[in-house]
All heavy atoms as atom14 arrays in JSON, in Angstrom:
{
  "sequence": "QLPVRVPTDMRAINEDLKQINRTLEQRLKVSLSEQAAMLKR",
  "atom14_mask": [
    [1, 1, 1, 1, 1, 1, 1, 1, 1, 0, 0, 0, 0, 0],
    [1, 1, 1, 1, 1, 1, 1, 1, 0, 0, 0, 0, 0, 0],
    [1, 1, 1, 1, 1, 1, 1, 0, 0, 0, 0, 0, 0, 0],
    [1, 1, 1, 1, 1, 1, 1, 0, 0, 0, 0, 0, 0, 0],
    [1, 1, 1, 1, 1, 1, 1, 1, 1, 1, 1, 0, 0, 0],
    [1, 1, 1, 1, 1, 1, 1, 0, 0, 0, 0, 0, 0, 0],
    [1, 1, 1, 1, 1, 1, 1, 0, 0, 0, 0, 0, 0, 0],
    [1, 1, 1, 1, 1, 1, 1, 0, 0, 0, 0, 0, 0, 0],
    [1, 1, 1, 1, 1, 1, 1, 1, 0, 0, 0, 0, 0, 0],
    [1, 1, 1, 1, 1, 1, 1, 1, 0, 0, 0, 0, 0, 0],
    [1, 1, 1, 1, 1, 1, 1, 1, 1, 1, 1, 0, 0, 0],
    [1, 1, 1, 1, 1, 0, 0, 0, 0, 0, 0, 0, 0, 0],
    [1, 1, 1, 1, 1, 1, 1, 1, 0, 0, 0, 0, 0, 0],
    [1, 1, 1, 1, 1, 1, 1, 1, 0, 0, 0, 0, 0, 0],
    [1, 1, 1, 1, 1, 1, 1, 1, 1, 0, 0, 0, 0, 0],
    [1, 1, 1, 1, 1, 1, 1, 1, 0, 0, 0, 0, 0, 0],
    [1, 1, 1, 1, 1, 1, 1, 1, 0, 0, 0, 0, 0, 0],
    [1, 1, 1, 1, 1, 1, 1, 1, 1, 0, 0, 0, 0, 0],
    [1, 1, 1, 1, 1, 1, 1, 1, 1, 0, 0, 0, 0, 0],
    [1, 1, 1, 1, 1, 1, 1, 1, 0, 0, 0, 0, 0, 0],
    [1, 1, 1, 1, 1, 1, 1, 1, 0, 0, 0, 0, 0, 0],
    [1, 1, 1, 1, 1, 1, 1, 1, 1, 1, 1, 0, 0, 0],
    [1, 1, 1, 1, 1, 1, 1, 0, 0, 0, 0, 0, 0, 0],
    [1, 1, 1, 1, 1, 1, 1, 1, 0, 0, 0, 0, 0, 0],
    [1, 1, 1, 1, 1, 1, 1, 1, 1, 0, 0, 0, 0, 0],
    [1, 1, 1, 1, 1, 1, 1, 1, 1, 0, 0, 0, 0, 0],
    [1, 1, 1, 1, 1, 1, 1, 1, 1, 1, 1, 0, 0, 0],
    [1, 1, 1, 1, 1, 1, 1, 1, 0, 0, 0, 0, 0, 0],
    [1, 1, 1, 1, 1, 1, 1, 1, 1, 0, 0, 0, 0, 0],
    [1, 1, 1, 1, 1, 1, 1, 0, 0, 0, 0, 0, 0, 0],
    [1, 1, 1, 1, 1, 1, 0, 0, 0, 0, 0, 0, 0, 0],
    [1, 1, 1, 1, 1, 1, 1, 1, 0, 0, 0, 0, 0, 0],
    [1, 1, 1, 1, 1, 1, 0, 0, 0, 0, 0, 0, 0, 0],
    [1, 1, 1, 1, 1, 1, 1, 1, 1, 0, 0, 0, 0, 0],
    [1, 1, 1, 1, 1, 1, 1, 1, 1, 0, 0, 0, 0, 0],
    [1, 1, 1, 1, 1, 0, 0, 0, 0, 0, 0, 0, 0, 0],
    [1, 1, 1, 1, 1, 0, 0, 0, 0, 0, 0, 0, 0, 0],
    [1, 1, 1, 1, 1, 1, 1, 1, 0, 0, 0, 0, 0, 0],
    [1, 1, 1, 1, 1, 1, 1, 1, 0, 0, 0, 0, 0, 0],
    [1, 1, 1, 1, 1, 1, 1, 1, 1, 0, 0, 0, 0, 0],
    [1, 1, 1, 1, 1, 1, 1, 1, 1, 1, 1, 0, 0, 0]
  ],
  "atom14_positions": [
    [[-3.19, 0.61, -9.48], [-3.14, 2.01, -9.88], [-4.55, 2.58, -9.9], [-5.54, 1.85, -9.91], [-2.5, 2.13, -11.25], [-1.07, 1.64, -11.29], [-0.5, 1.65, -12.69], [-1.19, 1.98, -13.63], [0.75, 1.27, -12.81], [0.0, 0.0, 0.0], [0.0, 0.0, 0.0], [0.0, 0.0, 0.0], [0.0, 0.0, 0.0], [0.0, 0.0, 0.0]],
    [[-4.63, 3.89, -9.89], [-5.93, 4.54, -9.91], [-6.64, 4.26, -11.22], [-6.0, 4.07, -12.25], [-5.75, 6.04, -9.69], [-5.12, 6.42, -8.36], [-4.92, 7.93, -8.31], [-5.97, 5.97, -7.2], [0.0, 0.0, 0.0], [0.0, 0.0, 0.0], [0.0, 0.0, 0.0], [0.0, 0.0, 0.0], [0.0, 0.0, 0.0], [0.0, 0.0, 0.0]],
    [[-7.98, 4.23, -11.22], [-8.72, 3.92, -12.44], [-8.46, 4.94, -13.55], [-8.29, 6.12, -13.28], [-10.18, 3.97, -12.01], [-10.22, 4.33, -10.59], [-8.82, 4.45, -10.08], [0.0, 0.0, 0.0], [0.0, 0.0, 0.0], [0.0, 0.0, 0.0], [0.0, 0.0, 0.0], [0.0, 0.0, 0.0], [0.0, 0.0, 0.0], [0.0, 0.0, 0.0]],
    [[-8.49, 4.45, -14.8], [-8.19, 5.29, -15.93], [-9.43, 5.49, -16.82], [-9.39, 6.24, -17.77], [-7.04, 4.67, -16.76], [-6.62, 5.57, -17.9], [-5.85, 4.38, -15.86], [0.0, 0.0, 0.0], [0.0, 0.0, 0.0], [0.0, 0.0, 0.0], [0.0, 0.0, 0.0], [0.0, 0.0, 0.0], [0.0, 0.0, 0.0], [0.0, 0.0, 0.0]],
    [[-10.51, 4.83, -16.52], [-11.73, 4.87, -17.33], [-12.24, 6.3, -17.44], [-12.26, 7.06, -16.48], [-12.8, 3.99, -16.67], [-14.06, 3.85, -17.47], [-14.96, 2.81, -16.84], [-15.15, 3.0, -15.42], [-16.23, 3.53, -14.87], [-17.21, 3.96, -15.61], [-16.32, 3.64, -13.56], [0.0, 0.0, 0.0], [0.0, 0.0, 0.0], [0.0, 0.0, 0.0]],
    [[-12.69, 6.69, -18.63], [-13.19, 8.04, -18.87], [-14.7, 8.03, -18.64], [-15.44, 7.39, -19.4], [-12.87, 8.51, -20.3], [-13.45, 9.87, -20.56], [-11.37, 8.49, -20.53], [0.0, 0.0, 0.0], [0.0, 0.0, 0.0], [0.0, 0.0, 0.0], [0.0, 0.0, 0.0], [0.0, 0.0, 0.0], [0.0, 0.0, 0.0], [0.0, 0.0, 0.0]],
    [[-15.19, 8.7, -17.6], [-16.62, 8.71, -17.33], [-17.37, 9.62, -18.31], [-16.79, 10.55, -18.87], [-16.71, 9.26, -15.91], [-15.45, 10.01, -15.7], [-14.42, 9.37, -16.58], [0.0, 0.0, 0.0], [0.0, 0.0, 0.0], [0.0, 0.0, 0.0], [0.0, 0.0, 0.0], [0.0, 0.0, 0.0], [0.0, 0.0, 0.0], [0.0, 0.0, 0.0]],
    [[-18.67, 9.33, -18.51], [-19.44, 10.1, -19.49], [-20.51, 10.97, -18.85], [-20.92, 11.96, -19.44], [-20.11, 9.14, -20.48], [-20.91, 8.2, -19.74], [-19.08, 8.4, -21.3], [0.0, 0.0, 0.0], [0.0, 0.0, 0.0], [0.0, 0.0, 0.0], [0.0, 0.0, 0.0], [0.0, 0.0, 0.0], [0.0, 0.0, 0.0], [0.0, 0.0, 0.0]],
    [[-20.99, 10.64, -17.67], [-22.02, 11.46, -17.03], [-21.61, 11.78, -15.59], [-20.63, 11.25, -15.08], [-23.39, 10.77, -17.07], [-23.37, 9.42, -16.36], [-22.28, 8.95, -16.02], [-24.46, 8.86, -16.14], [0.0, 0.0, 0.0], [0.0, 0.0, 0.0], [0.0, 0.0, 0.0], [0.0, 0.0, 0.0], [0.0, 0.0, 0.0], [0.0, 0.0, 0.0]],
    [[-22.36, 12.66, -14.94], [-22.02, 13.11, -13.59], [-22.04, 11.95, -12.59], [-21.22, 11.9, -11.68], [-22.98, 14.21, -13.14], [-22.78, 15.53, -13.87], [-21.09, 16.13, -13.77], [-21.02, 16.64, -12.08], [0.0, 0.0, 0.0], [0.0, 0.0, 0.0], [0.0, 0.0, 0.0], [0.0, 0.0, 0.0], [0.0, 0.0, 0.0], [0.0, 0.0, 0.0]],
    [[-22.97, 11.04, -12.76], [-23.06, 9.91, -11.84], [-21.79, 9.05, -11.93], [-21.23, 8.65, -10.91], [-24.3, 9.08, -12.18], [-24.59, 8.0, -11.21], [-25.87, 7.31, -11.58], [-26.3, 6.44, -10.52], [-27.32, 5.63, -10.61], [-28.04, 5.61, -11.71], [-27.64, 4.85, -9.61], [0.0, 0.0, 0.0], [0.0, 0.0, 0.0], [0.0, 0.0, 0.0]],
    [[-21.34, 8.79, -13.15], [-20.13, 8.01, -13.34], [-18.91, 8.75, -12.81], [-18.01, 8.15, -12.21], [-19.95, 7.66, -14.81], [0.0, 0.0, 0.0], [0.0, 0.0, 0.0], [0.0, 0.0, 0.0], [0.0, 0.0, 0.0], [0.0, 0.0, 0.0], [0.0, 0.0, 0.0], [0.0, 0.0, 0.0], [0.0, 0.0, 0.0], [0.0, 0.0, 0.0]],
    [[-18.89, 10.06, -13.03], [-17.78, 10.86, -12.52], [-17.74, 10.79, -11.0], [-16.68, 10.6, -10.4], [-17.91, 12.33, -13.0], [-17.68, 12.43, -14.49], [-16.93, 13.23, -12.25], [-17.98, 13.78, -15.08], [0.0, 0.0, 0.0], [0.0, 0.0, 0.0], [0.0, 0.0, 0.0], [0.0, 0.0, 0.0], [0.0, 0.0, 0.0], [0.0, 0.0, 0.0]],
    [[-18.91, 10.92, -10.36], [-19.0, 10.82, -8.91], [-18.52, 9.46, -8.42], [-17.77, 9.37, -7.43], [-20.44, 11.05, -8.45], [-20.59, 12.33, -7.69], [-19.62, 13.01, -7.42], [-21.83, 12.65, -7.35], [0.0, 0.0, 0.0], [0.0, 0.0, 0.0], [0.0, 0.0, 0.0], [0.0, 0.0, 0.0], [0.0, 0.0, 0.0], [0.0, 0.0, 0.0]],
    [[-18.96, 8.4, -9.08], [-18.55, 7.05, -8.67], [-17.04, 6.89, -8.8], [-16.39, 6.31, -7.92], [-19.27, 5.99, -9.51], [-20.72, 5.82, -9.15], [-20.92, 5.39, -7.69], [-20.17, 4.52, -7.2], [-21.82, 5.94, -7.05], [0.0, 0.0, 0.0], [0.0, 0.0, 0.0], [0.0, 0.0, 0.0], [0.0, 0.0, 0.0], [0.0, 0.0, 0.0]],
    [[-16.47, 7.4, -9.89], [-15.02, 7.32, -10.07], [-14.28, 8.09, -8.98], [-13.29, 7.61, -8.43], [-14.61, 7.85, -11.44], [-14.87, 6.85, -12.55], [-15.2, 5.69, -12.23], [-14.74, 7.23, -13.73], [0.0, 0.0, 0.0], [0.0, 0.0, 0.0], [0.0, 0.0, 0.0], [0.0, 0.0, 0.0], [0.0, 0.0, 0.0], [0.0, 0.0, 0.0]],
    [[-14.77, 9.27, -8.67], [-14.12, 10.06, -7.62], [-14.22, 9.39, -6.27], [-13.28, 9.41, -5.47], [-14.71, 11.47, -7.58], [-14.38, 12.36, -8.79], [-15.12, 13.68, -8.69], [-12.89, 12.58, -8.89], [0.0, 0.0, 0.0], [0.0, 0.0, 0.0], [0.0, 0.0, 0.0], [0.0, 0.0, 0.0], [0.0, 0.0, 0.0], [0.0, 0.0, 0.0]],
    [[-15.38, 8.77, -6.0], [-15.54, 8.03, -4.74], [-14.58, 6.86, -4.68], [-13.97, 6.59, -3.63], [-16.98, 7.55, -4.58], [-17.96, 8.65, -4.24], [-19.37, 8.09, -4.14], [-20.38, 9.2, -3.89], [-21.76, 8.69, -3.86], [0.0, 0.0, 0.0], [0.0, 0.0, 0.0], [0.0, 0.0, 0.0], [0.0, 0.0, 0.0], [0.0, 0.0, 0.0]],
    [[-14.43, 6.16, -5.8], [-13.5, 5.02, -5.84], [-12.07, 5.5, -5.64], [-11.3, 4.89, -4.89], [-13.64, 4.28, -7.17], [-12.68, 3.11, -7.32], [-12.9, 2.05, -6.27], [-14.02, 1.79, -5.86], [-11.83, 1.45, -5.8], [0.0, 0.0, 0.0], [0.0, 0.0, 0.0], [0.0, 0.0, 0.0], [0.0, 0.0, 0.0], [0.0, 0.0, 0.0]],
    [[-11.7, 6.57, -6.29], [-10.36, 7.13, -6.12], [-10.14, 7.54, -4.67], [-9.09, 7.28, -4.08], [-10.14, 8.32, -7.08], [-10.07, 7.84, -8.52], [-8.87, 9.08, -6.71], [-10.11, 8.96, -9.54], [0.0, 0.0, 0.0], [0.0, 0.0, 0.0], [0.0, 0.0, 0.0], [0.0, 0.0, 0.0], [0.0, 0.0, 0.0], [0.0, 0.0, 0.0]],
    [[-11.15, 8.16, -4.06], [-11.06, 8.59, -2.67], [-10.88, 7.39, -1.75], [-10.05, 7.42, -0.83], [-12.31, 9.39, -2.29], [-12.13, 10.18, -1.02], [-11.01, 10.45, -0.61], [-13.23, 10.54, -0.4], [0.0, 0.0, 0.0], [0.0, 0.0, 0.0], [0.0, 0.0, 0.0], [0.0, 0.0, 0.0], [0.0, 0.0, 0.0], [0.0, 0.0, 0.0]],
    [[-11.64, 6.31, -2.0], [-11.5, 5.1, -1.17], [-10.1, 4.52, -1.3], [-9.49, 4.12, -0.31], [-12.55, 4.06, -1.56], [-13.93, 4.35, -1.03], [-14.86, 3.16, -1.22], [-15.13, 2.88, -2.61], [-16.12, 3.39, -3.32], [-16.97, 4.23, -2.75], [-16.3, 3.06, -4.58], [0.0, 0.0, 0.0], [0.0, 0.0, 0.0], [0.0, 0.0, 0.0]],
    [[-9.6, 4.5, -2.53], [-8.25, 3.96, -2.76], [-7.21, 4.8, -2.03], [-6.32, 4.26, -1.36], [-7.94, 3.94, -4.27], [-8.94, 3.17, -4.94], [-6.57, 3.35, -4.53], [0.0, 0.0, 0.0], [0.0, 0.0, 0.0], [0.0, 0.0, 0.0], [0.0, 0.0, 0.0], [0.0, 0.0, 0.0], [0.0, 0.0, 0.0], [0.0, 0.0, 0.0]],
    [[-7.33, 6.1, -2.14], [-6.37, 6.99, -1.48], [-6.47, 6.89, 0.04], [-5.44, 6.92, 0.73], [-6.58, 8.43, -1.94], [-6.23, 8.71, -3.4], [-6.61, 10.14, -3.77], [-4.76, 8.47, -3.65], [0.0, 0.0, 0.0], [0.0, 0.0, 0.0], [0.0, 0.0, 0.0], [0.0, 0.0, 0.0], [0.0, 0.0, 0.0], [0.0, 0.0, 0.0]],
    [[-7.69, 6.78, 0.58], [-7.85, 6.63, 2.02], [-7.21, 5.33, 2.49], [-6.55, 5.3, 3.55], [-9.33, 6.66, 2.4], [-9.94, 8.05, 2.35], [-11.43, 8.04, 2.62], [-12.06, 6.96, 2.65], [-11.99, 9.14, 2.79], [0.0, 0.0, 0.0], [0.0, 0.0, 0.0], [0.0, 0.0, 0.0], [0.0, 0.0, 0.0], [0.0, 0.0, 0.0]],
    [[-7.37, 4.26, 1.72], [-6.76, 2.98, 2.09], [-5.24, 3.09, 2.07], [-4.56, 2.63, 2.98], [-7.23, 1.88, 1.14], [-6.67, 0.52, 1.48], [-7.11, 0.02, 2.84], [-8.18, 0.36, 3.32], [-6.3, -0.78, 3.47], [0.0, 0.0, 0.0], [0.0, 0.0, 0.0], [0.0, 0.0, 0.0], [0.0, 0.0, 0.0], [0.0, 0.0, 0.0]],
    [[-4.7, 3.73, 1.05], [-3.25, 3.92, 0.97], [-2.75, 4.77, 2.13], [-1.67, 4.51, 2.68], [-2.87, 4.57, -0.35], [-3.02, 3.65, -1.54], [-2.62, 4.36, -2.81], [-2.83, 3.52, -3.98], [-2.65, 3.92, -5.22], [-2.25, 5.15, -5.47], [-2.86, 3.1, -6.22], [0.0, 0.0, 0.0], [0.0, 0.0, 0.0], [0.0, 0.0, 0.0]],
    [[-3.53, 5.78, 2.51], [-3.14, 6.63, 3.63], [-3.1, 5.83, 4.93], [-2.16, 5.96, 5.72], [-4.12, 7.81, 3.77], [-3.87, 8.76, 4.95], [-2.52, 9.44, 4.79], [-4.98, 9.78, 5.05], [0.0, 0.0, 0.0], [0.0, 0.0, 0.0], [0.0, 0.0, 0.0], [0.0, 0.0, 0.0], [0.0, 0.0, 0.0], [0.0, 0.0, 0.0]],
    [[-4.11, 4.99, 5.15], [-4.13, 4.15, 6.35], [-2.91, 3.24, 6.4], [-2.28, 3.09, 7.45], [-5.4, 3.3, 6.39], [-6.63, 4.06, 6.76], [-7.85, 3.14, 6.77], [-9.14, 3.91, 7.02], [-10.31, 3.03, 6.98], [0.0, 0.0, 0.0], [0.0, 0.0, 0.0], [0.0, 0.0, 0.0], [0.0, 0.0, 0.0], [0.0, 0.0, 0.0]],
    [[-2.58, 2.65, 5.27], [-1.42, 1.75, 5.23], [-0.14, 2.53, 5.52], [0.7, 2.09, 6.31], [-1.33, 1.04, 3.85], [-0.01, 0.32, 3.69], [-2.48, 0.06, 3.7], [0.0, 0.0, 0.0], [0.0, 0.0, 0.0], [0.0, 0.0, 0.0], [0.0, 0.0, 0.0], [0.0, 0.0, 0.0], [0.0, 0.0, 0.0], [0.0, 0.0, 0.0]],
    [[0.01, 3.7, 4.9], [1.24, 4.47, 5.12], [1.34, 4.96, 6.56], [2.43, 4.97, 7.14], [1.35, 5.63, 4.14], [0.39, 6.62, 4.43], [0.0, 0.0, 0.0], [0.0, 0.0, 0.0], [0.0, 0.0, 0.0], [0.0, 0.0, 0.0], [0.0, 0.0, 0.0], [0.0, 0.0, 0.0], [0.0, 0.0, 0.0], [0.0, 0.0, 0.0]],
    [[0.21, 5.37, 7.16], [0.25, 5.8, 8.56], [0.61, 4.63, 9.47], [1.35, 4.79, 10.45], [-1.1, 6.4, 8.97], [-1.42, 7.77, 8.37], [-2.83, 8.21, 8.76], [-0.4, 8.8, 8.8], [0.0, 0.0, 0.0], [0.0, 0.0, 0.0], [0.0, 0.0, 0.0], [0.0, 0.0, 0.0], [0.0, 0.0, 0.0], [0.0, 0.0, 0.0]],
    [[0.1, 3.47, 9.17], [0.43, 2.28, 9.95], [1.92, 1.95, 9.83], [2.58, 1.64, 10.82], [-0.41, 1.1, 9.45], [-0.02, -0.08, 10.09], [0.0, 0.0, 0.0], [0.0, 0.0, 0.0], [0.0, 0.0, 0.0], [0.0, 0.0, 0.0], [0.0, 0.0, 0.0], [0.0, 0.0, 0.0], [0.0, 0.0, 0.0], [0.0, 0.0, 0.0]],
    [[2.45, 2.05, 8.61], [3.88, 1.8, 8.42], [4.73, 2.83, 9.15], [5.75, 2.51, 9.73], [4.21, 1.8, 6.92], [3.67, 0.6, 6.19], [3.85, 0.68, 4.69], [4.27, 1.76, 4.19], [3.59, -0.32, 4.02], [0.0, 0.0, 0.0], [0.0, 0.0, 0.0], [0.0, 0.0, 0.0], [0.0, 0.0, 0.0], [0.0, 0.0, 0.0]],
    [[4.29, 4.09, 9.13], [5.03, 5.15, 9.83], [5.03, 4.89, 11.33], [6.06, 5.07, 12.01], [4.42, 6.51, 9.54], [4.72, 7.05, 8.17], [4.06, 8.39, 7.93], [3.35, 8.92, 8.78], [4.29, 8.95, 6.76], [0.0, 0.0, 0.0], [0.0, 0.0, 0.0], [0.0, 0.0, 0.0], [0.0, 0.0, 0.0], [0.0, 0.0, 0.0]],
    [[3.89, 4.47, 11.87], [3.81, 4.19, 13.3], [4.74, 3.03, 13.67], [5.43, 3.08, 14.7], [2.37, 3.87, 13.7], [0.0, 0.0, 0.0], [0.0, 0.0, 0.0], [0.0, 0.0, 0.0], [0.0, 0.0, 0.0], [0.0, 0.0, 0.0], [0.0, 0.0, 0.0], [0.0, 0.0, 0.0], [0.0, 0.0, 0.0], [0.0, 0.0, 0.0]],
    [[4.78, 2.01, 12.84], [5.67, 0.87, 13.1], [7.14, 1.31, 13.05], [7.94, 0.9, 13.89], [5.41, -0.24, 12.09], [0.0, 0.0, 0.0], [0.0, 0.0, 0.0], [0.0, 0.0, 0.0], [0.0, 0.0, 0.0], [0.0, 0.0, 0.0], [0.0, 0.0, 0.0], [0.0, 0.0, 0.0], [0.0, 0.0, 0.0], [0.0, 0.0, 0.0]],
    [[7.48, 2.17, 12.09], [8.85, 2.67, 12.0], [9.22, 3.52, 13.2], [10.32, 3.43, 13.72], [9.03, 3.49, 10.71], [9.06, 2.67, 9.48], [10.53, 1.64, 9.49], [10.63, 1.24, 7.79], [0.0, 0.0, 0.0], [0.0, 0.0, 0.0], [0.0, 0.0, 0.0], [0.0, 0.0, 0.0], [0.0, 0.0, 0.0], [0.0, 0.0, 0.0]],
    [[8.29, 4.37, 13.64], [8.54, 5.21, 14.79], [8.78, 4.37, 16.03], [9.72, 4.62, 16.8], [7.37, 6.17, 15.02], [7.5, 7.13, 16.19], [8.7, 8.05, 16.0], [6.23, 7.94, 16.35], [0.0, 0.0, 0.0], [0.0, 0.0, 0.0], [0.0, 0.0, 0.0], [0.0, 0.0, 0.0], [0.0, 0.0, 0.0], [0.0, 0.0, 0.0]],
    [[7.97, 3.34, 16.21], [8.13, 2.45, 17.36], [9.49, 1.75, 17.3], [10.19, 1.62, 18.3], [7.0, 1.43, 17.38], [6.95, 0.61, 18.62], [5.7, -0.26, 18.67], [5.63, -1.02, 19.96], [4.41, -1.81, 20.06], [0.0, 0.0, 0.0], [0.0, 0.0, 0.0], [0.0, 0.0, 0.0], [0.0, 0.0, 0.0], [0.0, 0.0, 0.0]],
    [[9.88, 1.31, 16.11], [11.17, 0.66, 15.94], [12.32, 1.63, 16.24], [13.3, 1.26, 16.89], [11.28, 0.13, 14.51], [12.6, -0.47, 14.16], [12.76, -1.87, 14.7], [14.0, -2.44, 14.22], [14.87, -3.02, 14.99], [14.62, -3.19, 16.26], [16.0, -3.49, 14.5], [0.0, 0.0, 0.0], [0.0, 0.0, 0.0], [0.0, 0.0, 0.0]]
  ]
}
């Protein structure tokens, strides 16, 4: 699941947002790959 930690400064907020973005991008890649496999099937 996405991180739940409460950041205290802008640097921590940025790091959390970057981590969330990386997680979402990875999930998007996986879902697009699954969609392509389903379409081919």
